[in-house]
Amino acid sequence: MAHVTNTKGLPEEYIKLVQEFADFLRQKTLRPVKGKEQIGFHVWPLGVKGKLTREEIYDHL
């Protein structure tokens, strides 16, 4: 799944910086850990059934 980041209006140097940071994060997730399997970003395992409102999310504050 590809995502697009809107960089409209940013100077070219900032766009390059964003691209370099994204490449850094991508490489970091592909780096093997002590000879074991590669690490990837994971989804929160508990999940939520249904939808949460802003009030429900921030109710504890």
Protein backbone atom coordinates (compact mmCIF):
# COMPACT_ATOMS: atom_id res chain seq x y z
CA MET A 1 0.00 0.00 0.00
CA ALA A 2 1.58 3.27 -1.09
CA HIS A 3 1.02 6.52 0.76
CA VAL A 4 1.60 9.98 -0.63
CA THR A 5 2.96 12.82 1.46
CA ASN A 6 1.97 16.30 0.39
CA THR A 7 5.12 18.42 0.08
CA LYS A 8 3.47 21.21 -1.91
CA GLY A 9 4.98 24.58 -1.09
CA LEU A 10 8.09 23.20 0.59
CA PRO A 11 11.53 24.21 -0.62
CA GLU A 12 13.45 21.53 -2.54
CA GLU A 13 15.92 21.05 0.34
CA TYR A 14 13.07 20.21 2.75
CA ILE A 15 11.58 17.75 0.27
CA LYS A 16 14.96 16.01 0.02
CA LEU A 17 15.19 15.94 3.81
CA VAL A 18 11.76 14.30 4.11
CA GLN A 19 12.74 11.72 1.47
CA GLU A 20 16.02 10.95 3.24
CA PHE A 21 14.22 10.53 6.57
CA ALA A 22 11.66 8.17 5.01
CA ASP A 23 14.49 6.15 3.44
CA PHE A 24 16.26 6.03 6.83
CA LEU A 25 13.14 4.70 8.56
CA ARG A 26 12.58 2.16 5.79
CA GLN A 27 16.16 0.87 6.11
CA LYS A 28 15.87 0.76 9.90
CA THR A 29 12.84 -1.53 9.69
CA LEU A 30 14.62 -3.88 7.28
CA ARG A 31 17.81 -4.25 9.33
CA PRO A 32 18.20 -7.76 10.85
CA VAL A 33 18.46 -7.93 14.64
CA LYS A 34 21.35 -10.09 15.88
CA GLY A 35 21.05 -12.47 12.96
CA LYS A 36 17.35 -13.04 13.49
CA GLU A 37 14.39 -12.19 11.30
CA GLN A 38 13.89 -8.66 10.03
CA ILE A 39 11.85 -6.16 12.01
CA GLY A 40 8.84 -4.42 10.52
CA PHE A 41 6.30 -1.95 11.81
CA HIS A 42 3.38 -3.81 13.34
CA VAL A 43 -0.26 -3.12 13.97
CA TRP A 44 -1.50 -2.73 17.54
CA PRO A 45 -2.50 -6.31 18.38
CA LEU A 46 -5.56 -5.55 20.53
CA GLY A 47 -7.41 -3.51 17.95
CA VAL A 48 -10.74 -1.75 18.37
CA LYS A 49 -14.13 -3.04 17.34
CA GLY A 50 -16.28 -0.25 16.05
CA LYS A 51 -15.38 3.43 16.08
CA LEU A 52 -14.16 5.63 18.88
CA THR A 53 -15.13 9.26 19.28
CA ARG A 54 -12.63 11.95 20.21
CA GLU A 55 -14.32 12.22 23.60
CA GLU A 56 -13.87 8.50 24.26
CA ILE A 57 -10.20 8.64 23.31
CA TYR A 58 -9.38 11.66 25.45
CA ASP A 59 -11.90 11.07 28.26
CA HIS A 60 -9.18 10.17 30.76
CA LEU A 61 -7.48 13.57 30.41
